[in-house]
Amino acid sequence: MKYAGIHWHEGQFLHPHHFQAADRYWTELSALQQHWDHPYGYGLQDVEINTEALANSHFEVNRIHARFQDGTVVSLGEGQVPNRIHLKPLESNSEEETGPLTVYLGVPRLKLGRQNVAGTEGGLHRFVESEIAVQDETQGGSDQDVRIKHLNVRMLLSTEDTAGFDLVPICQLATSASESSGLQIYKDYIPPVLNIDAWSELGRGIVRSCMDMVGRKCEILSSQLHARRVGFESRHPGDLDRLIMLSNLNAIYATLNGLSYMRGVHPQIAFLELYRAIGNLAIFAPSRRIPELPKYDHENLGPVFRILREELEKLLNSVQEYEFEQRPFLGMGLGMQATLEPKWFHSTWEWFIGVNKGELSGEECRDLLSPGHLDWKFGSARQVEALFQRRSEGLTLEPLDRAIRALPSDSDWLFYRIPRTASPAWQDVQATQTLAMRLRDSLILNQADLQGERRIIVSYRGKNIPLEFSLFAVPQQT
């Protein structure tokens, strides 16, 4: 340590030097312990930059709270803020020549052998003295004039001589695209902060946006898997990837959601959680490994966190959307009905009816669905009952004679194409934007419990056969 503790002993004469030396010792010891426990325990705790002053070519803060690397704390509220910087003379210098300007909060360093306390601001003295009236807090009243000292805080630019100052960066200024706008806050730079909410671009702009990206992906995947009733036993390509990703994303989202709305989260904690999130999702990268990631840089947080957000977004997009959209037929009235999306009626979409036949062979399933057995009939919700009762022509169904790459390859599914024709049945489906199915109810064993259910149980050759029906809409590749 630079300073030693005072040897207090009986009979010594006390001088200001004793107390000053004791203050220096305890200040250094406290700062050293803090640094050992928290190496990145310095930066801005809270700052509000006066944007109106900046538009008028002046830099000013309305409030600022910060901690320096040596442990010095500056807490300035309304009416206590330091000097205002005039920027107009600097706006004539191009950014190409000078680069972004850094604005610092500065405090002169304590240096023994020179004057460190003065009655005026400015200069290299660390403290400014003043006199205030102090009351006796025990009895009240009895005002006494007491000399106090406060830090000689000022704001400095990187173009100034900063030798002899302890500094904390506040922001960087750069020329905007509009020549008439002058210097503006450089958005790519994020100064060292003590919590992510001290700089909105870090807290809301990056960490919370990562949470939102993960949350959206969770919603998409959960909706897809729920709609398709996908479990870990699924053999369809891509289902297992989606299940594992959703499992990881749920854990990541819970952590990021907690961080985003918690006060006092240090950027190092947020950095580690984003690292963890990328590590958990790295298995979905083409290389199946963690990509090259930046190291933590407390002095320049912007590039680090933006790269992490970009890498996280890449991994989230590594599991693409299904090549089809699926809607199950649910029991409704005497038949079953599927919910349709308006976009599916566009000519760029193909429709397929899928039958989850379970243990039946393809030939047995076709026989079960044929006239004389289930007699299935498709049409609009308002026409399907009449089509079934009158044995009129419904929608045309064409058995697939070849595999469609976009459809599930699971052997449990049997597919039929619905061609777009000029038949009255198809025209009414288009007009009502509804699709329903009617089956011979005498063969349905769970007719009483079918409302809202996907699965029907039919009697076929002395066996109870469970069946499920779905509409698959596939966008044509362009």
Protein backbone atom coordinates (compact mmCIF):
# COMPACT_ATOMS: atom_id res chain seq x y z
CA MET A 1 0.00 0.00 0.00
CA LYS A 2 1.08 3.57 -0.64
CA TYR A 3 -0.06 4.92 2.74
CA ALA A 4 0.51 3.45 6.20
CA GLY A 5 -1.76 3.59 9.21
CA ILE A 6 -1.13 6.02 12.06
CA HIS A 7 0.44 4.71 15.24
CA TRP A 8 -1.85 6.18 17.86
CA HIS A 9 -0.20 6.27 21.28
CA GLU A 10 -0.65 7.90 24.66
CA GLY A 11 0.79 11.34 25.13
CA GLN A 12 1.16 12.25 21.46
CA PHE A 13 0.33 15.76 20.29
CA LEU A 14 -2.34 15.74 17.59
CA HIS A 15 -1.97 17.72 14.42
CA PRO A 16 -4.12 17.87 11.27
CA HIS A 17 -1.42 15.71 9.67
CA HIS A 18 -2.42 12.76 11.85
CA PHE A 19 -6.05 12.84 10.76
CA GLN A 20 -5.16 13.49 7.13
CA ALA A 21 -2.78 10.53 7.11
CA ALA A 22 -5.40 8.35 8.77
CA ASP A 23 -7.97 9.38 6.16
CA ARG A 24 -5.56 8.53 3.34
CA TYR A 25 -4.81 5.12 4.83
CA TRP A 26 -8.43 4.10 5.32
CA THR A 27 -9.46 5.50 1.94
CA GLU A 28 -6.74 3.51 0.18
CA LEU A 29 -7.50 0.36 2.17
CA SER A 30 -11.22 0.57 1.38
CA ALA A 31 -10.53 1.16 -2.32
CA LEU A 32 -8.09 -1.74 -2.47
CA GLN A 33 -10.50 -4.16 -0.84
CA GLN A 34 -13.27 -3.05 -3.16
CA HIS A 35 -11.03 -3.49 -6.21
CA TRP A 36 -10.03 -6.99 -5.14
CA ASP A 37 -13.66 -8.00 -4.66
CA HIS A 38 -15.01 -6.16 -7.71
CA PRO A 39 -12.34 -5.33 -10.33
CA TYR A 40 -14.98 -3.62 -12.50
CA GLY A 41 -16.60 -1.67 -9.67
CA TYR A 42 -16.26 1.73 -11.30
CA GLY A 43 -18.20 3.76 -13.82
CA LEU A 44 -21.51 5.57 -14.07
CA GLN A 45 -24.26 4.71 -11.64
CA ASP A 46 -26.73 7.16 -13.14
CA VAL A 47 -26.50 10.05 -15.59
CA GLU A 48 -28.91 12.37 -17.37
CA ILE A 49 -27.47 14.33 -20.29
CA ASN A 50 -29.16 17.62 -21.14
CA THR A 51 -30.20 17.03 -24.76
CA GLU A 52 -31.50 20.58 -25.17
CA ALA A 53 -28.10 21.97 -24.24
CA LEU A 54 -26.46 19.55 -26.68
CA ALA A 55 -28.71 20.80 -29.46
CA ASN A 56 -27.44 24.27 -28.58
CA SER A 57 -23.79 23.15 -28.94
CA HIS A 58 -23.20 22.79 -25.20
CA PHE A 59 -22.58 19.69 -23.14
CA GLU A 60 -24.22 19.60 -19.73
CA VAL A 61 -25.58 16.97 -17.37
CA ASN A 62 -28.65 17.40 -15.20
CA ARG A 63 -27.38 14.84 -12.70
CA ILE A 64 -24.53 12.39 -12.47
CA HIS A 65 -23.55 9.68 -10.00
CA ALA A 66 -20.32 7.78 -10.54
CA ARG A 67 -17.50 5.89 -8.87
CA PHE A 68 -13.86 6.25 -9.90
CA GLN A 69 -11.33 3.42 -10.06
CA ASP A 70 -9.74 4.60 -6.79
CA GLY A 71 -13.11 4.30 -5.04
CA THR A 72 -13.92 8.04 -5.08
CA VAL A 73 -17.68 8.59 -5.29
CA VAL A 74 -19.27 11.58 -7.02
CA SER A 75 -22.99 12.14 -6.50
CA LEU A 76 -24.32 15.36 -8.02
CA GLY A 77 -28.01 16.14 -8.33
CA GLU A 78 -29.97 19.18 -9.44
CA GLY A 79 -28.01 22.38 -8.85
CA GLN A 80 -24.77 20.54 -8.10
CA VAL A 81 -23.65 19.66 -11.61
CA PRO A 82 -20.18 20.65 -12.81
CA ASN A 83 -19.11 23.00 -15.58
CA ARG A 84 -20.89 23.36 -18.91
CA ILE A 85 -18.73 22.72 -22.01
CA HIS A 86 -19.04 24.90 -25.10
CA LEU A 87 -18.83 22.67 -28.19
CA LYS A 88 -19.19 25.16 -31.03
CA PRO A 89 -15.44 25.66 -31.58
CA LEU A 90 -15.00 21.88 -31.85
CA GLU A 91 -17.75 21.28 -34.41
CA SER A 92 -15.61 22.68 -37.22
CA ASN A 93 -13.15 19.78 -36.81
CA SER A 94 -14.15 16.78 -38.90
CA GLU A 95 -14.62 13.40 -37.26
CA GLU A 96 -12.12 11.91 -39.72
CA GLU A 97 -9.40 14.12 -38.28
CA THR A 98 -10.19 13.86 -34.58
CA GLY A 99 -12.43 10.80 -34.19
CA PRO A 100 -15.26 10.85 -31.68
CA LEU A 101 -14.71 13.17 -28.73
CA THR A 102 -14.82 11.57 -25.29
CA VAL A 103 -16.40 13.54 -22.46
CA TYR A 104 -14.99 12.72 -19.02
CA LEU A 105 -15.96 13.37 -15.46
CA GLY A 106 -12.68 14.38 -13.85
CA VAL A 107 -11.32 14.88 -10.34
CA PRO A 108 -7.72 16.09 -9.68
CA ARG A 109 -5.58 13.45 -8.00
CA LEU A 110 -4.37 13.97 -4.47
CA LYS A 111 -0.67 14.86 -4.55
CA LEU A 112 1.32 15.47 -1.41
CA GLY A 113 3.72 18.39 -1.52
CA ARG A 114 1.34 20.79 -3.23
CA GLN A 115 -1.86 22.60 -2.33
CA ASN A 116 -4.79 20.17 -2.53
CA VAL A 117 -7.50 22.44 -1.09
CA ALA A 118 -8.42 25.88 -2.42
CA GLY A 119 -11.29 28.29 -2.13
CA THR A 120 -12.13 28.37 -5.84
CA GLU A 121 -12.93 25.79 -8.49
CA GLY A 122 -10.58 25.05 -11.35
CA GLY A 123 -6.90 24.28 -11.12
CA LEU A 124 -5.36 20.98 -10.03
CA HIS A 125 -6.33 21.10 -6.36
CA ARG A 126 -8.49 18.10 -5.43
CA PHE A 127 -10.85 19.86 -3.05
CA VAL A 128 -12.73 23.15 -2.88
CA GLU A 129 -13.37 24.50 0.61
CA SER A 130 -16.43 26.38 1.76
CA GLU A 131 -18.09 27.33 5.01
CA ILE A 132 -21.53 26.29 6.20
CA ALA A 133 -23.54 26.80 9.37
CA VAL A 134 -24.01 23.53 11.25
CA GLN A 135 -26.50 23.00 14.08
CA ASP A 136 -26.03 20.83 17.12
CA GLU A 137 -27.99 17.72 16.18
CA THR A 138 -28.49 16.71 19.83
CA GLN A 139 -30.04 19.86 21.33
CA GLY A 140 -30.78 21.78 18.17
CA GLY A 141 -29.70 25.35 17.46
CA SER A 142 -26.25 26.60 18.52
CA ASP A 143 -25.20 27.16 14.91
CA GLN A 144 -21.49 27.00 14.31
CA ASP A 145 -19.64 27.88 11.12
CA VAL A 146 -17.80 24.79 9.91
CA ARG A 147 -15.33 24.65 7.07
CA ILE A 148 -15.96 21.74 4.72
CA LYS A 149 -14.38 20.55 1.51
CA HIS A 150 -15.92 18.93 -1.53
CA LEU A 151 -14.40 17.42 -4.65
CA ASN A 152 -13.26 19.80 -7.37
CA VAL A 153 -15.31 17.99 -10.02
CA ARG A 154 -15.32 19.10 -13.62
CA MET A 155 -16.08 17.79 -17.08
CA LEU A 156 -13.25 17.46 -19.58
CA LEU A 157 -12.89 16.60 -23.24
CA SER A 158 -10.37 14.17 -24.69
CA THR A 159 -8.89 17.12 -26.61
CA GLU A 160 -7.87 18.76 -23.32
CA ASP A 161 -4.86 18.02 -21.13
CA THR A 162 -6.14 15.45 -18.63
CA ALA A 163 -2.81 14.80 -16.89
CA GLY A 164 -3.22 14.78 -13.11
CA PHE A 165 -6.92 13.82 -13.21
CA ASP A 166 -8.79 10.66 -12.30
CA LEU A 167 -11.34 10.15 -15.07
CA VAL A 168 -14.61 8.36 -15.71
CA PRO A 169 -15.92 8.48 -19.32
CA ILE A 170 -19.43 9.87 -19.67
CA CYS A 171 -20.03 9.50 -23.40
CA GLN A 172 -18.55 10.12 -26.83
CA LEU A 173 -19.62 12.84 -29.26
CA ALA A 174 -19.45 12.61 -33.03
CA THR A 175 -20.60 14.65 -35.99
CA SER A 176 -24.09 13.66 -37.11
CA ALA A 177 -25.13 12.94 -40.68
CA SER A 178 -26.87 16.31 -40.82
CA GLU A 179 -24.33 19.11 -41.00
CA SER A 180 -26.68 21.48 -39.22
CA SER A 181 -27.04 19.19 -36.19
CA GLY A 182 -23.50 19.57 -34.87
CA LEU A 183 -22.06 17.07 -32.40
CA GLN A 184 -24.35 14.31 -31.17
CA ILE A 185 -23.99 11.40 -28.76
CA TYR A 186 -22.09 8.58 -30.49
CA LYS A 187 -24.49 5.65 -30.19
CA ASP A 188 -21.89 2.92 -30.76
CA TYR A 189 -20.05 3.79 -27.55
CA ILE A 190 -21.24 2.65 -24.14
CA PRO A 191 -19.15 3.94 -21.20
CA PRO A 192 -18.23 1.89 -18.13
CA VAL A 193 -21.31 1.65 -15.92
CA LEU A 194 -22.13 0.11 -12.57
CA ASN A 195 -25.53 -1.16 -13.72
CA ILE A 196 -27.03 -1.81 -17.13
CA ASP A 197 -29.86 0.69 -16.58
CA ALA A 198 -27.37 3.54 -16.21
CA TRP A 199 -27.16 3.57 -20.04
CA SER A 200 -30.46 2.95 -21.82
CA GLU A 201 -28.84 1.56 -24.97
CA LEU A 202 -27.31 -1.21 -22.85
CA GLY A 203 -30.20 -2.02 -20.52
CA ARG A 204 -33.21 -1.55 -22.80
CA GLY A 205 -31.50 -1.48 -26.17
CA ILE A 206 -29.44 -4.66 -25.88
CA VAL A 207 -30.12 -6.80 -22.80
CA ARG A 208 -33.89 -6.34 -22.89
CA SER A 209 -33.98 -6.72 -26.68
CA CYS A 210 -32.16 -10.06 -26.28
CA MET A 211 -34.85 -11.09 -23.81
CA ASP A 212 -37.55 -10.08 -26.31
CA MET A 213 -35.87 -12.03 -29.14
CA VAL A 214 -35.71 -15.14 -26.99
CA GLY A 215 -39.30 -14.64 -25.82
CA ARG A 216 -40.58 -14.35 -29.40
CA LYS A 217 -38.74 -17.52 -30.41
CA CYS A 218 -40.17 -19.33 -27.37
CA GLU A 219 -43.67 -18.27 -28.39
CA ILE A 220 -43.19 -19.40 -31.99
CA LEU A 221 -41.69 -22.77 -31.11
CA SER A 222 -44.18 -23.53 -28.35
CA SER A 223 -47.11 -22.67 -30.64
CA GLN A 224 -45.73 -24.88 -33.41
CA LEU A 225 -45.02 -27.82 -31.13
CA HIS A 226 -48.34 -27.49 -29.31
CA ALA A 227 -50.32 -27.26 -32.55
CA ARG A 228 -48.62 -30.38 -33.87
CA ARG A 229 -48.67 -32.20 -30.52
CA VAL A 230 -44.98 -32.89 -30.91
CA GLY A 231 -43.23 -34.90 -28.20
CA PHE A 232 -39.75 -36.33 -27.81
CA GLU A 233 -40.94 -39.51 -29.48
CA SER A 234 -41.55 -37.64 -32.77
CA ARG A 235 -39.59 -38.89 -35.77
CA HIS A 236 -40.27 -35.92 -38.01
CA PRO A 237 -37.06 -34.13 -39.10
CA GLY A 238 -36.52 -30.96 -37.11
CA ASP A 239 -38.91 -31.76 -34.26
CA LEU A 240 -36.16 -32.83 -31.88
CA ASP A 241 -34.16 -29.68 -32.68
CA ARG A 242 -37.17 -27.55 -31.84
CA LEU A 243 -37.86 -29.37 -28.59
CA ILE A 244 -34.26 -29.07 -27.39
CA MET A 245 -34.05 -25.42 -28.44
CA LEU A 246 -37.33 -24.61 -26.68
CA SER A 247 -36.07 -26.33 -23.53
CA ASN A 248 -32.91 -24.21 -23.59
CA LEU A 249 -34.77 -21.04 -24.51
CA ASN A 250 -37.20 -21.38 -21.60
CA ALA A 251 -34.25 -21.40 -19.18
CA ILE A 252 -32.53 -18.52 -20.98
CA TYR A 253 -35.71 -16.44 -21.09
CA ALA A 254 -36.35 -16.90 -17.37
CA THR A 255 -32.86 -15.59 -16.55
CA LEU A 256 -32.91 -12.66 -19.00
CA ASN A 257 -36.41 -11.69 -17.93
CA GLY A 258 -35.21 -11.50 -14.34
CA LEU A 259 -32.12 -9.49 -15.27
CA SER A 260 -34.02 -7.04 -17.47
CA TYR A 261 -36.30 -5.84 -14.69
CA MET A 262 -33.91 -6.11 -11.75
CA ARG A 263 -32.24 -3.00 -10.35
CA GLY A 264 -28.47 -2.77 -10.00
CA VAL A 265 -27.44 -5.51 -12.45
CA HIS A 266 -23.74 -5.06 -13.24
CA PRO A 267 -22.88 -5.37 -16.96
CA GLN A 268 -20.46 -8.19 -16.15
CA ILE A 269 -23.40 -10.28 -14.89
CA ALA A 270 -25.41 -9.56 -18.04
CA PHE A 271 -22.33 -10.37 -20.14
CA LEU A 272 -21.91 -13.77 -18.47
CA GLU A 273 -25.60 -14.63 -18.93
CA LEU A 274 -25.45 -13.79 -22.64
CA TYR A 275 -22.30 -15.91 -22.88
CA ARG A 276 -24.17 -18.73 -21.18
CA ALA A 277 -27.14 -18.33 -23.54
CA ILE A 278 -24.90 -18.52 -26.61
CA GLY A 279 -23.13 -21.56 -25.17
CA ASN A 280 -26.45 -23.35 -24.59
CA LEU A 281 -27.55 -22.69 -28.17
CA ALA A 282 -24.17 -23.30 -29.86
CA ILE A 283 -25.17 -26.90 -30.67
CA PHE A 284 -27.54 -25.45 -33.30
CA ALA A 285 -24.74 -23.57 -35.10
CA PRO A 286 -23.42 -25.12 -38.35
CA SER A 287 -20.12 -25.92 -36.62
CA ARG A 288 -21.91 -27.26 -33.49
CA ARG A 289 -19.43 -25.25 -31.44
CA ILE A 290 -19.29 -21.91 -29.64
CA PRO A 291 -18.32 -19.13 -32.09
CA GLU A 292 -15.41 -16.79 -31.43
CA LEU A 293 -16.73 -14.31 -28.88
CA PRO A 294 -15.29 -11.02 -27.60
CA LYS A 295 -13.77 -10.71 -24.16
CA TYR A 296 -15.33 -8.45 -21.56
CA ASP A 297 -14.20 -4.82 -21.95
CA HIS A 298 -15.54 -2.61 -19.19
CA GLU A 299 -14.07 0.51 -20.82
CA ASN A 300 -15.93 0.00 -24.10
CA LEU A 301 -19.07 -2.07 -23.58
CA GLY A 302 -20.83 -1.24 -26.84
CA PRO A 303 -18.99 -3.49 -29.35
CA VAL A 304 -18.89 -6.40 -26.88
CA PHE A 305 -22.62 -6.50 -26.18
CA ARG A 306 -23.64 -5.83 -29.77
CA ILE A 307 -21.58 -8.78 -31.01
CA LEU A 308 -23.19 -11.00 -28.37
CA ARG A 309 -26.66 -9.86 -29.47
CA GLU A 310 -25.82 -10.59 -33.13
CA GLU A 311 -24.48 -14.06 -32.29
CA LEU A 312 -27.56 -14.83 -30.21
CA GLU A 313 -29.83 -13.75 -33.07
CA LYS A 314 -27.95 -16.00 -35.52
CA LEU A 315 -28.40 -18.99 -33.25
CA LEU A 316 -32.10 -18.24 -32.73
CA ASN A 317 -32.57 -18.23 -36.50
CA SER A 318 -30.65 -21.47 -36.99
CA VAL A 319 -33.85 -23.46 -36.44
CA GLN A 320 -36.11 -22.31 -39.25
CA GLU A 321 -39.86 -22.31 -39.59
CA TYR A 322 -41.63 -25.49 -40.61
CA GLU A 323 -42.11 -25.77 -44.36
CA PHE A 324 -45.80 -26.30 -43.76
CA GLU A 325 -48.55 -25.00 -41.53
CA GLN A 326 -50.82 -27.50 -39.85
CA ARG A 327 -54.29 -27.22 -38.37
CA PRO A 328 -56.00 -30.22 -36.78
CA PHE A 329 -59.63 -31.10 -37.40
CA LEU A 330 -61.58 -30.83 -34.14
CA GLY A 331 -64.94 -32.35 -33.31
CA MET A 332 -67.79 -29.92 -34.00
CA GLY A 333 -71.46 -30.82 -34.34
CA LEU A 334 -71.85 -34.07 -36.25
CA GLY A 335 -68.44 -33.77 -37.89
CA MET A 336 -65.05 -32.09 -37.57
CA GLN A 337 -63.74 -28.68 -38.60
CA ALA A 338 -60.31 -27.05 -39.11
CA THR A 339 -59.41 -23.39 -38.60
CA LEU A 340 -58.13 -21.68 -41.75
CA GLU A 341 -55.79 -18.75 -42.36
CA PRO A 342 -56.78 -16.20 -45.04
CA LYS A 343 -53.31 -16.33 -46.64
CA TRP A 344 -53.79 -20.02 -47.47
CA PHE A 345 -56.38 -19.12 -50.10
CA HIS A 346 -53.69 -17.42 -52.17
CA SER A 347 -52.71 -19.37 -55.28
CA THR A 348 -49.17 -19.86 -53.94
CA TRP A 349 -50.38 -22.29 -51.27
CA GLU A 350 -51.17 -26.00 -51.71
CA TRP A 351 -53.56 -27.88 -49.45
CA PHE A 352 -53.24 -31.46 -48.23
CA ILE A 353 -55.40 -33.58 -45.95
CA GLY A 354 -53.32 -35.72 -43.62
CA VAL A 355 -54.68 -38.80 -41.87
CA ASN A 356 -52.75 -40.09 -38.87
CA LYS A 357 -53.59 -43.74 -39.38
CA GLY A 358 -51.59 -45.21 -36.53
CA GLU A 359 -51.07 -48.95 -36.98
CA LEU A 360 -53.17 -49.24 -40.13
CA SER A 361 -51.44 -49.81 -43.44
CA GLY A 362 -51.97 -47.32 -46.22
CA GLU A 363 -54.24 -49.74 -48.09
CA GLU A 364 -56.33 -50.44 -44.99
CA CYS A 365 -56.71 -46.74 -44.26
CA ARG A 366 -57.86 -45.96 -47.81
CA ASP A 367 -60.36 -48.79 -47.58
CA LEU A 368 -61.67 -47.46 -44.25
CA LEU A 369 -62.16 -43.96 -45.68
CA SER A 370 -63.78 -45.14 -48.92
CA PRO A 371 -67.53 -45.10 -49.71
CA GLY A 372 -69.34 -47.84 -47.87
CA HIS A 373 -67.26 -47.39 -44.73
CA LEU A 374 -66.58 -43.94 -43.22
CA ASP A 375 -67.78 -42.16 -46.38
CA TRP A 376 -65.74 -39.03 -45.51
CA LYS A 377 -66.89 -35.85 -47.20
CA PHE A 378 -65.24 -32.41 -47.25
CA GLY A 379 -66.84 -29.03 -47.85
CA SER A 380 -67.54 -25.70 -46.22
CA ALA A 381 -68.96 -25.66 -42.69
CA ARG A 382 -72.37 -24.60 -43.99
CA GLN A 383 -72.57 -27.14 -46.85
CA VAL A 384 -70.81 -30.28 -45.61
CA GLU A 385 -73.86 -31.76 -43.87
CA ALA A 386 -76.03 -31.36 -46.98
CA LEU A 387 -73.27 -32.77 -49.20
CA PHE A 388 -72.99 -35.81 -46.94
CA GLN A 389 -76.73 -36.47 -46.64
CA ARG A 390 -77.41 -36.06 -50.38
CA ARG A 391 -74.22 -37.90 -51.35
CA SER A 392 -73.33 -34.88 -53.48
CA GLU A 393 -69.84 -34.14 -54.72
CA GLY A 394 -67.62 -32.49 -52.11
CA LEU A 395 -64.02 -31.39 -52.40
CA THR A 396 -61.87 -33.52 -54.65
CA LEU A 397 -59.19 -35.57 -52.85
CA GLU A 398 -56.22 -36.94 -54.79
CA PRO A 399 -54.09 -39.62 -53.07
CA LEU A 400 -50.42 -38.72 -53.27
CA ASP A 401 -48.40 -41.05 -55.46
CA ARG A 402 -45.07 -39.55 -54.39
CA ALA A 403 -43.58 -38.04 -51.25
CA ILE A 404 -43.77 -34.27 -50.80
CA ARG A 405 -40.53 -33.05 -49.19
CA ALA A 406 -42.25 -30.28 -47.23
CA LEU A 407 -44.71 -32.66 -45.55
CA PRO A 408 -43.91 -34.82 -42.51
CA SER A 409 -42.06 -37.98 -43.47
CA ASP A 410 -43.54 -39.91 -40.56
CA SER A 411 -44.98 -43.18 -41.89
CA ASP A 412 -48.03 -42.76 -39.63
CA TRP A 413 -49.39 -40.09 -41.98
CA LEU A 414 -51.35 -40.70 -45.18
CA PHE A 415 -51.81 -37.66 -47.45
CA TYR A 416 -54.33 -36.47 -50.03
CA ARG A 417 -54.05 -33.32 -52.14
CA ILE A 418 -56.99 -30.91 -52.41
CA PRO A 419 -56.83 -29.42 -55.91
CA ARG A 420 -58.31 -26.01 -56.59
CA THR A 421 -61.23 -26.65 -58.92
CA ALA A 422 -64.28 -24.81 -60.19
CA SER A 423 -66.65 -27.10 -58.27
CA PRO A 424 -69.41 -25.51 -56.17
CA ALA A 425 -67.99 -27.16 -53.06
CA TRP A 426 -64.59 -25.49 -53.48
CA GLN A 427 -66.15 -22.15 -54.34
CA ASP A 428 -68.19 -22.23 -51.12
CA VAL A 429 -65.07 -23.07 -49.09
CA GLN A 430 -63.46 -19.97 -50.58
CA ALA A 431 -66.54 -17.84 -49.97
CA THR A 432 -66.93 -18.86 -46.31
CA GLN A 433 -63.23 -19.52 -45.62
CA THR A 434 -64.24 -22.62 -43.66
CA LEU A 435 -63.39 -26.30 -44.08
CA ALA A 436 -65.31 -29.14 -42.45
CA MET A 437 -65.47 -32.92 -42.68
CA ARG A 438 -68.41 -35.30 -42.23
CA LEU A 439 -68.08 -39.01 -41.47
CA ARG A 440 -70.54 -41.86 -41.03
CA ASP A 441 -71.32 -41.44 -37.35
CA SER A 442 -72.50 -45.01 -36.86
CA LEU A 443 -68.88 -46.19 -36.99
CA ILE A 444 -67.57 -43.53 -34.58
CA LEU A 445 -67.37 -44.99 -31.09
CA ASN A 446 -66.59 -41.76 -29.22
CA GLN A 447 -69.23 -39.59 -30.90
CA ALA A 448 -70.58 -38.35 -27.56
CA ASP A 449 -67.17 -37.08 -26.45
CA LEU A 450 -65.93 -35.82 -29.81
CA GLN A 451 -66.67 -32.10 -29.36
CA GLY A 452 -63.38 -30.17 -29.39
CA GLU A 453 -61.31 -33.37 -29.60
CA ARG A 454 -58.85 -34.33 -32.33
CA ARG A 455 -59.01 -38.10 -32.13
CA ILE A 456 -61.89 -40.24 -33.31
CA ILE A 457 -62.17 -43.94 -32.59
CA VAL A 458 -63.83 -46.00 -35.30
CA SER A 459 -64.81 -49.63 -35.57
CA TYR A 460 -63.01 -51.41 -38.41
CA ARG A 461 -62.81 -55.17 -38.91
CA GLY A 462 -63.61 -55.81 -35.28
CA LYS A 463 -60.97 -53.42 -33.96
CA ASN A 464 -61.14 -49.96 -32.39
CA ILE A 465 -58.97 -47.74 -34.59
CA PRO A 466 -57.92 -44.21 -33.47
CA LEU A 467 -57.63 -41.66 -36.29
CA GLU A 468 -56.63 -38.00 -36.46
CA PHE A 469 -57.09 -35.59 -39.37
CA SER A 470 -55.20 -32.40 -40.16
CA LEU A 471 -55.04 -29.83 -42.91
CA PHE A 472 -51.50 -29.10 -44.13
CA ALA A 473 -50.94 -25.84 -46.02
CA VAL A 474 -47.64 -25.71 -47.91
CA PRO A 475 -46.29 -22.54 -49.57
CA GLN A 476 -44.95 -23.19 -53.05
CA GLN A 477 -41.23 -22.53 -53.48
CA THR A 478 -40.51 -19.54 -55.73
